[in-house]
């Protein structure tokens, strides 16, 4: 999953604002580099981020989503707002990626019908406050219980099980040790039977480990994505598509005993 960030204040410095031409060029490059899915977001979820209005987010993301859908490539929309979800689904988005796990008023009603996949993510608190002393007694158990509760809410609303994807929410209300514990136990989440999405690309947890600024975390991001896939993740959300693809191709060749043809 390639990140296409239409915010002006991305933590990773890759925000494109509402520059449609640059966004289309980045999307095309990501596909050329081997991305299977493009994740479009118009509201920053970095720690301390302020929310944007519904209309501003729609104005940022919908022109790009409409163009990408016309390309007939899988498109994900990263949003917590039911109105944005509705607009994206109306033009054919393939996945709604909600860091708020469809808890906003009206979200379940918007997404319950249709074919689009729904990614349910764990977050402790809100982006503005989530990194203020997050605490857990057992982070793996608590994240798992939250995702199980939200999954059951989707099923009760009429969402087909095959549409559901789970994301433990690396960096969303977690310390470094919480993140590492979740990565070590990712196979437990994968054992739920639902596809798991892992997003660690360029995040502060990698900066804490390596001491490198956000623009120099490419190698660490690739390593984290590879470890997540080894632990059972089916989708990795990344900035560095080509490098991640190469690492996964080497791992697949080793696992299979020869070249796999991964492009």
Protein backbone atom coordinates (compact mmCIF):
# COMPACT_ATOMS: atom_id res chain seq x y z
CA UNK A 1 0.00 0.00 0.00
CA UNK A 2 1.57 3.27 -1.16
CA UNK A 3 0.97 6.44 0.83
CA UNK A 4 -0.36 9.40 -1.16
CA UNK A 5 -0.54 12.24 1.33
CA UNK A 6 -2.54 15.34 0.42
CA UNK A 7 -2.00 17.18 3.69
CA UNK A 8 0.32 20.20 3.98
CA UNK A 9 1.58 19.08 7.42
CA UNK A 10 2.58 15.43 7.14
CA UNK A 11 4.98 14.16 9.82
CA UNK A 12 7.15 12.62 7.12
CA UNK A 13 7.46 15.77 5.03
CA UNK A 14 5.81 14.18 1.99
CA UNK A 15 2.56 16.12 2.11
CA UNK A 16 1.40 17.33 -1.29
CA UNK A 17 -1.29 19.79 -0.16
CA UNK A 18 -3.94 19.91 -2.88
CA UNK A 19 -1.51 19.78 -5.80
CA UNK A 20 -3.30 17.32 -8.07
CA UNK A 21 -0.57 17.10 -10.70
CA UNK A 22 2.09 16.20 -8.12
CA UNK A 23 -0.25 13.70 -6.50
CA UNK A 24 -0.98 12.00 -9.82
CA UNK A 25 2.74 11.83 -10.60
CA UNK A 26 3.46 10.30 -7.20
CA UNK A 27 0.65 7.78 -7.66
CA UNK A 28 1.96 6.78 -11.10
CA UNK A 29 5.49 6.36 -9.71
CA UNK A 30 4.19 4.22 -6.85
CA UNK A 31 2.40 1.94 -9.31
CA UNK A 32 5.51 1.73 -11.50
CA UNK A 33 7.48 0.80 -8.37
CA UNK A 34 5.12 -2.09 -7.65
CA UNK A 35 2.37 -0.77 -5.38
CA UNK A 36 -0.80 -2.86 -5.35
CA UNK A 37 -2.96 -0.27 -3.59
CA UNK A 38 -2.89 3.53 -3.27
CA UNK A 39 -3.90 5.04 0.09
CA UNK A 40 -5.10 8.64 -0.26
CA UNK A 41 -5.34 10.84 2.83
CA UNK A 42 -6.31 14.48 3.32
CA UNK A 43 -6.09 14.96 7.08
CA UNK A 44 -2.90 14.58 9.10
CA UNK A 45 -2.94 12.05 11.93
CA UNK A 46 0.53 12.90 13.25
CA UNK A 47 0.78 13.44 17.02
CA UNK A 48 -0.59 16.89 17.86
CA UNK A 49 -2.39 17.29 14.54
CA UNK A 50 -5.47 19.50 14.40
CA UNK A 51 -8.58 18.27 12.56
CA UNK A 52 -9.73 19.80 9.29
CA UNK A 53 -13.28 20.47 8.17
CA UNK A 54 -15.30 17.95 6.19
CA UNK A 55 -15.41 20.21 3.14
CA UNK A 56 -11.67 20.88 3.20
CA UNK A 57 -10.89 17.19 3.35
CA UNK A 58 -13.31 16.42 0.52
CA UNK A 59 -11.76 19.19 -1.58
CA UNK A 60 -8.31 17.74 -0.98
CA UNK A 61 -8.96 14.07 -1.66
CA UNK A 62 -11.88 13.67 -4.04
CA UNK A 63 -10.32 15.08 -7.25
CA UNK A 64 -7.45 12.61 -6.86
CA UNK A 65 -9.66 9.68 -5.85
CA UNK A 66 -11.88 10.24 -8.90
CA UNK A 67 -8.86 10.25 -11.22
CA UNK A 68 -7.30 7.16 -9.64
CA UNK A 69 -10.55 5.19 -9.78
CA UNK A 70 -10.66 6.00 -13.49
CA UNK A 71 -7.23 4.34 -13.79
CA UNK A 72 -8.84 1.08 -12.58
CA UNK A 73 -6.31 0.62 -9.78
CA UNK A 74 -7.26 -0.28 -6.19
CA UNK A 75 -7.80 2.92 -4.19
CA UNK A 76 -7.99 3.34 -0.42
CA UNK A 77 -9.19 6.50 1.32
CA UNK A 78 -7.76 7.28 4.75
CA UNK A 79 -10.47 9.16 6.66
CA UNK A 80 -12.43 9.23 9.92
CA UNK A 81 -15.33 11.29 8.53
CA UNK A 82 -18.54 9.56 7.37
CA UNK A 83 -19.19 12.28 4.76
CA UNK A 84 -15.78 11.68 3.19
CA UNK A 85 -16.36 7.92 3.31
CA UNK A 86 -19.68 8.39 1.52
CA UNK A 87 -18.14 10.53 -1.19
CA UNK A 88 -15.27 8.09 -1.72
CA UNK A 89 -17.52 5.05 -1.86
CA UNK A 90 -19.86 6.81 -4.31
CA UNK A 91 -17.08 7.08 -6.89
CA UNK A 92 -15.79 3.53 -6.39
CA UNK A 93 -13.11 3.54 -3.67
CA UNK A 94 -12.02 -0.01 -2.83
CA UNK A 95 -11.08 0.44 0.83
CA UNK A 96 -11.90 2.84 3.66
CA UNK A 97 -8.97 3.12 6.04
CA UNK A 98 -10.30 4.53 9.33
CA UNK A 99 -7.89 5.22 12.20
CA UNK A 100 -10.97 5.78 14.38
CA UNK A 101 -12.32 2.27 13.68
CA UNK A 102 -15.70 3.48 12.37
CA UNK A 103 -16.72 4.94 15.75
CA UNK A 104 -17.87 8.33 14.42
CA UNK A 105 -21.61 8.91 14.44
CA UNK A 106 -23.01 7.55 11.19
CA UNK A 107 -19.87 5.75 10.04
CA UNK A 108 -21.30 2.23 10.31
CA UNK A 109 -24.41 3.28 8.41
CA UNK A 110 -22.30 4.70 5.58
CA UNK A 111 -20.05 1.65 5.14
CA UNK A 112 -22.35 -1.27 6.01
CA UNK A 113 -23.39 -1.99 2.41
CA UNK A 114 -21.29 -2.38 -0.71
CA UNK A 115 -18.13 -4.27 -1.53
CA UNK A 116 -15.35 -1.97 -0.28
CA UNK A 117 -12.92 -3.32 2.29
CA UNK A 118 -12.85 -1.65 5.71
CA UNK A 119 -9.68 -1.26 7.74
CA UNK A 120 -10.27 -1.10 11.49
CA UNK A 121 -7.36 0.48 13.40
CA UNK A 122 -6.57 0.77 17.09
CA UNK A 123 -5.78 4.22 18.46
CA UNK A 124 -5.57 5.26 22.10
CA UNK A 125 -7.01 8.78 22.38
CA UNK A 126 -6.98 11.25 19.49
CA UNK A 127 -4.08 12.50 17.30
CA UNK A 128 -3.80 15.69 19.33
CA UNK A 129 -3.28 13.79 22.60
CA UNK A 130 -2.50 10.17 21.80
CA UNK A 131 1.21 10.33 22.63
CA UNK A 132 0.72 11.94 26.06
CA UNK A 133 1.86 9.14 28.38
CA UNK A 134 -0.01 6.20 26.81
CA UNK A 135 -0.43 3.35 29.29
CA UNK A 136 -1.47 -0.30 28.99
CA UNK A 137 -1.46 -3.25 31.37
CA UNK A 138 -1.10 -5.65 28.42
CA UNK A 139 -0.86 -3.83 25.10
CA UNK A 140 -1.29 -6.94 22.95
CA UNK A 141 -4.38 -8.10 24.80
CA UNK A 142 -5.93 -4.63 24.96
CA UNK A 143 -5.36 -3.87 21.28
CA UNK A 144 -6.69 -7.30 20.36
CA UNK A 145 -9.79 -6.84 22.51
CA UNK A 146 -10.50 -3.43 20.97
CA UNK A 147 -10.18 -4.76 17.42
CA UNK A 148 -12.39 -7.73 18.29
CA UNK A 149 -15.07 -5.39 19.67
CA UNK A 150 -14.98 -3.17 16.59
CA UNK A 151 -15.03 -6.18 14.28
CA UNK A 152 -18.13 -7.47 16.04
CA UNK A 153 -19.73 -4.04 15.69
CA UNK A 154 -19.14 -4.12 11.93
CA UNK A 155 -20.52 -7.65 11.64
CA UNK A 156 -23.58 -6.70 13.67
CA UNK A 157 -24.14 -3.75 11.33
CA UNK A 158 -24.28 -6.15 8.38
CA UNK A 159 -20.72 -5.90 7.06
CA UNK A 160 -19.50 -9.13 5.47
CA UNK A 161 -16.51 -10.65 7.29
CA UNK A 162 -14.45 -10.82 4.11
CA UNK A 163 -14.48 -7.01 3.88
CA UNK A 164 -12.69 -6.49 7.23
CA UNK A 165 -8.97 -5.69 7.67
CA UNK A 166 -7.26 -5.14 11.04
CA UNK A 167 -4.51 -2.64 11.92
CA UNK A 168 -2.89 -2.57 15.40
CA UNK A 169 -2.08 1.12 14.95
CA UNK A 170 1.67 1.35 15.35
CA UNK A 171 2.51 4.77 16.77
CA UNK A 172 -1.08 5.71 17.61
CA UNK A 173 -1.06 6.12 21.37
CA UNK A 174 1.89 3.79 21.97
CA UNK A 175 5.40 4.08 23.34
CA UNK A 176 8.35 2.47 21.59
CA UNK A 177 8.08 -0.58 23.82
CA UNK A 178 4.35 -0.88 23.11
CA UNK A 179 5.08 -0.79 19.37
CA UNK A 180 7.82 -3.40 19.63
CA UNK A 181 5.61 -5.66 21.74
CA UNK A 182 2.87 -5.43 19.11
CA UNK A 183 5.33 -6.22 16.34
CA UNK A 184 6.65 -9.24 18.25
CA UNK A 185 3.10 -10.52 18.74
CA UNK A 186 1.68 -9.58 15.33
CA UNK A 187 1.25 -13.27 14.52
CA UNK A 188 -1.41 -13.45 17.25
CA UNK A 189 -3.44 -10.78 15.51
CA UNK A 190 -2.93 -12.48 12.14
CA UNK A 191 -4.27 -15.69 13.66
CA UNK A 192 -7.68 -14.02 13.93
CA UNK A 193 -8.23 -14.90 10.28
CA UNK A 194 -8.67 -11.30 9.17
CA UNK A 195 -6.00 -9.71 6.95
CA UNK A 196 -3.63 -7.50 8.95
CA UNK A 197 -2.33 -4.13 7.77
CA UNK A 198 0.89 -2.81 9.30
CA UNK A 199 2.03 0.80 8.95
CA UNK A 200 5.40 1.71 10.46
CA UNK A 201 6.96 3.58 7.55
CA UNK A 202 9.21 6.47 8.72
CA UNK A 203 7.45 6.65 12.09
CA UNK A 204 9.03 7.98 15.27
CA UNK A 205 9.46 4.47 16.67
CA UNK A 206 12.05 3.89 13.94
CA UNK A 207 13.70 7.21 14.73
CA UNK A 208 13.94 6.22 18.39
CA UNK A 209 15.63 2.96 17.41
CA UNK A 210 18.04 4.34 14.80
CA UNK A 211 18.52 7.92 15.93
CA UNK A 212 17.81 9.08 12.37
CA UNK A 213 15.54 11.95 11.31
CA UNK A 214 12.36 11.18 9.41
CA UNK A 215 13.94 11.64 5.98
CA UNK A 216 16.62 9.03 6.71
CA UNK A 217 14.41 6.18 7.93
CA UNK A 218 14.01 4.37 4.61
CA UNK A 219 16.14 1.34 5.49
CA UNK A 220 14.52 0.97 8.90
CA UNK A 221 11.09 1.26 7.29
CA UNK A 222 11.86 -1.53 4.84
CA UNK A 223 13.15 -3.73 7.67
CA UNK A 224 10.00 -3.08 9.70
CA UNK A 225 7.75 -3.90 6.74
CA UNK A 226 9.63 -7.15 6.10
CA UNK A 227 9.36 -8.18 9.75
CA UNK A 228 5.63 -7.42 9.70
CA UNK A 229 5.07 -9.58 6.62
CA UNK A 230 7.11 -12.39 8.17
CA UNK A 231 4.80 -12.18 11.19
CA UNK A 232 1.69 -12.48 9.04
CA UNK A 233 0.77 -8.98 7.81
CA UNK A 234 -0.98 -9.09 4.45
CA UNK A 235 -0.67 -5.37 3.68
CA UNK A 236 2.18 -3.00 4.50
CA UNK A 237 1.57 0.75 4.21
CA UNK A 238 4.80 2.35 2.99
CA UNK A 239 6.44 5.43 1.54
CA UNK A 240 9.32 3.51 -0.14
CA UNK A 241 7.51 1.14 -2.46
CA UNK A 242 10.38 -0.05 -4.68
CA UNK A 243 12.77 -0.78 -1.82
CA UNK A 244 10.07 -2.62 0.12
CA UNK A 245 9.17 -4.66 -2.96
CA UNK A 246 12.82 -5.63 -3.44
CA UNK A 247 13.18 -6.77 0.17
CA UNK A 248 10.00 -8.82 -0.03
CA UNK A 249 11.12 -10.38 -3.33
CA UNK A 250 14.36 -11.59 -1.72
CA UNK A 251 12.45 -13.00 1.25
CA UNK A 252 9.92 -14.73 -1.03
CA UNK A 253 12.71 -16.26 -3.12
CA UNK A 254 14.42 -17.62 -0.04
CA UNK A 255 11.17 -18.97 1.39
CA UNK A 256 10.14 -20.60 -1.88
CA UNK A 257 13.58 -21.93 -2.75
CA UNK A 258 13.95 -19.85 -5.89
CA UNK A 259 12.86 -16.70 -7.77
CA UNK A 260 9.15 -15.98 -7.44
CA UNK A 261 8.59 -13.48 -10.23
CA UNK A 262 7.62 -10.68 -7.86
CA UNK A 263 7.87 -7.49 -9.91
